C-alpha atoms as a PDB file:
ATOM      1  CA  MET A   1     -12.042 -66.268  50.499  1.00  0.00           C
ATOM      2  CA  GLU A   2     -11.480 -66.502  46.770  1.00  0.00           C
ATOM      3  CA  GLU A   3      -8.181 -65.447  45.314  1.00  0.00           C
ATOM      4  CA  GLU A   4      -8.566 -62.600  42.853  1.00  0.00           C
ATOM      5  CA  HIS A   5      -7.035 -63.151  39.423  1.00  0.00           C
ATOM      6  CA  VAL A   6      -4.637 -60.404  38.399  1.00  0.00           C
ATOM      7  CA  SER A   7      -3.426 -60.099  34.842  1.00  0.00           C
ATOM      8  CA  PRO A   8       0.314 -60.475  34.264  1.00  0.00           C
ATOM      9  CA  ALA A   9       0.423 -56.907  32.879  1.00  0.00           C
ATOM     10  CA  TYR A  10      -1.214 -55.538  36.022  1.00  0.00           C
ATOM     11  CA  GLN A  11       1.113 -57.479  38.318  1.00  0.00           C
ATOM     12  CA  LYS A  12       4.182 -56.316  36.394  1.00  0.00           C
ATOM     13  CA  GLY A  13       2.977 -52.697  36.390  1.00  0.00           C
ATOM     14  CA  TYR A  14       2.229 -52.800  40.119  1.00  0.00           C
ATOM     15  CA  ASN A  15       5.700 -54.115  40.921  1.00  0.00           C
ATOM     16  CA  HIS A  16       7.350 -51.590  38.606  1.00  0.00           C
ATOM     17  CA  GLY A  17       5.295 -48.753  40.098  1.00  0.00           C
ATOM     18  CA  TYR A  18       6.288 -49.762  43.622  1.00  0.00           C
ATOM     19  CA  GLU A  19       9.980 -49.870  42.755  1.00  0.00           C
ATOM     20  CA  LEU A  20      10.013 -46.737  40.606  1.00  0.00           C
ATOM     21  CA  SER A  21       8.248 -44.823  43.360  1.00  0.00           C
ATOM     22  CA  GLY A  22      11.316 -45.284  45.514  1.00  0.00           C
ATOM     23  CA  GLN A  23      14.033 -45.115  42.883  1.00  0.00           C
ATOM     24  CA  GLU A  24      12.819 -42.903  40.019  1.00  0.00           C
ATOM     25  CA  PRO A  25       9.710 -40.971  41.148  1.00  0.00           C
ATOM     26  CA  GLU A  26       9.980 -38.372  38.365  1.00  0.00           C
ATOM     27  CA  LEU A  27      10.060 -41.068  35.691  1.00  0.00           C
ATOM     28  CA  LEU A  28       7.100 -42.765  37.341  1.00  0.00           C
ATOM     29  CA  ASP A  29       5.116 -39.498  37.308  1.00  0.00           C
ATOM     30  CA  ARG A  30       5.814 -39.084  33.588  1.00  0.00           C
ATOM     31  CA  LEU A  31       4.670 -42.641  32.898  1.00  0.00           C
ATOM     32  CA  ILE A  32       1.519 -42.275  34.991  1.00  0.00           C
ATOM     33  CA  ASN A  33       0.646 -39.006  33.245  1.00  0.00           C
ATOM     34  CA  SER A  34       1.352 -40.356  29.758  1.00  0.00           C
ATOM     35  CA  GLY A  35      -2.339 -40.771  28.948  1.00  0.00           C
ATOM     36  CA  GLN A  36      -2.224 -44.564  28.878  1.00  0.00           C
ATOM     37  CA  GLN A  37      -4.509 -45.128  31.899  1.00  0.00           C
ATOM     38  CA  ASP A  38      -6.805 -47.416  29.910  1.00  0.00           C
ATOM     39  CA  HIS A  39      -4.142 -50.151  30.048  1.00  0.00           C
ATOM     40  CA  ASP A  40      -3.778 -52.477  33.040  1.00  0.00           C
ATOM     41  CA  TYR A  41      -0.035 -51.857  33.222  1.00  0.00           C
ATOM     42  CA  PHE A  42      -0.364 -48.096  33.620  1.00  0.00           C
ATOM     43  CA  ARG A  43      -3.246 -48.318  36.124  1.00  0.00           C
ATOM     44  CA  ALA A  44      -1.099 -50.727  38.110  1.00  0.00           C
ATOM     45  CA  LEU A  45       1.888 -48.352  38.052  1.00  0.00           C
ATOM     46  CA  GLU A  46      -0.254 -45.857  39.940  1.00  0.00           C
ATOM     47  CA  ALA A  47      -1.504 -48.508  42.375  1.00  0.00           C
ATOM     48  CA  GLY A  48       2.072 -49.592  43.120  1.00  0.00           C
ATOM     49  CA  ASP A  49       3.049 -45.968  43.722  1.00  0.00           C
ATOM     50  CA  ARG A  50       0.141 -45.471  46.153  1.00  0.00           C
ATOM     51  CA  GLN A  51       1.103 -48.612  48.062  1.00  0.00           C
ATOM     52  CA  ARG A  52       4.730 -47.497  48.343  1.00  0.00           C
ATOM     53  CA  GLN A  53       3.574 -44.134  49.715  1.00  0.00           C
ATOM     54  CA  LYS A  54       1.357 -45.879  52.285  1.00  0.00           C
ATOM     55  CA  ASP A  55       4.230 -48.141  53.311  1.00  0.00           C
ATOM     56  CA  ARG A  56       6.507 -45.108  53.742  1.00  0.00           C
ATOM     57  CA  MET A  57       3.961 -43.365  55.948  1.00  0.00           C
ATOM     58  CA  VAL A  58       3.545 -46.454  58.138  1.00  0.00           C
ATOM     59  CA  GLU A  59       7.316 -46.760  58.512  1.00  0.00           C
ATOM     60  CA  GLN A  60       7.641 -43.067  59.416  1.00  0.00           C
ATOM     61  CA  MET A  61       4.925 -43.443  62.037  1.00  0.00           C
ATOM     62  CA  LYS A  62       6.695 -46.473  63.520  1.00  0.00           C
ATOM     63  CA  GLN A  63       9.983 -44.555  63.681  1.00  0.00           C
ATOM     64  CA  GLN A  64       8.300 -41.589  65.349  1.00  0.00           C
ATOM     65  CA  THR A  65       6.645 -43.882  67.880  1.00  0.00           C
ATOM     66  CA  ARG A  66       9.977 -45.549  68.661  1.00  0.00           C
ATOM     67  CA  GLN A  67      11.643 -42.149  69.033  1.00  0.00           C
ATOM     68  CA  LEU A  68       8.889 -40.919  71.343  1.00  0.00           C
ATOM     69  CA  GLY A  69       9.403 -44.014  73.477  1.00  0.00           C
ATOM     70  CA  LYS A  70      13.139 -43.343  73.674  1.00  0.00           C
ATOM     71  CA  ASP A  71      12.565 -39.681  74.504  1.00  0.00           C
ATOM     72  CA  LYS A  72      10.037 -40.573  77.179  1.00  0.00           C
ATOM     73  CA  GLY A  73      12.563 -42.909  78.774  1.00  0.00           C
ATOM     74  CA  LYS A  74      15.072 -40.053  78.928  1.00  0.00           C
ATOM     75  CA  GLY A  75      12.628 -37.844  80.808  1.00  0.00           C
ATOM     76  CA  LEU A  76      11.925 -35.506  77.870  1.00  0.00           C
END
């Protein structure tokens, strides 16, 4: 499988979007909605945000599954 080339601006925006999604979501929303979506950096901010949200959902599902296992062991 060929490795896809990602521009440095896209990679930086993706990483910033992922981090801001967890630390400063309101700032990230303002940046995403700034009207700059024709730039790689701003498209990547949104992609990083989406990935962070997916990762959060997966982690929540894992925690719920673990809790259900604990509850089942207690006879609940």
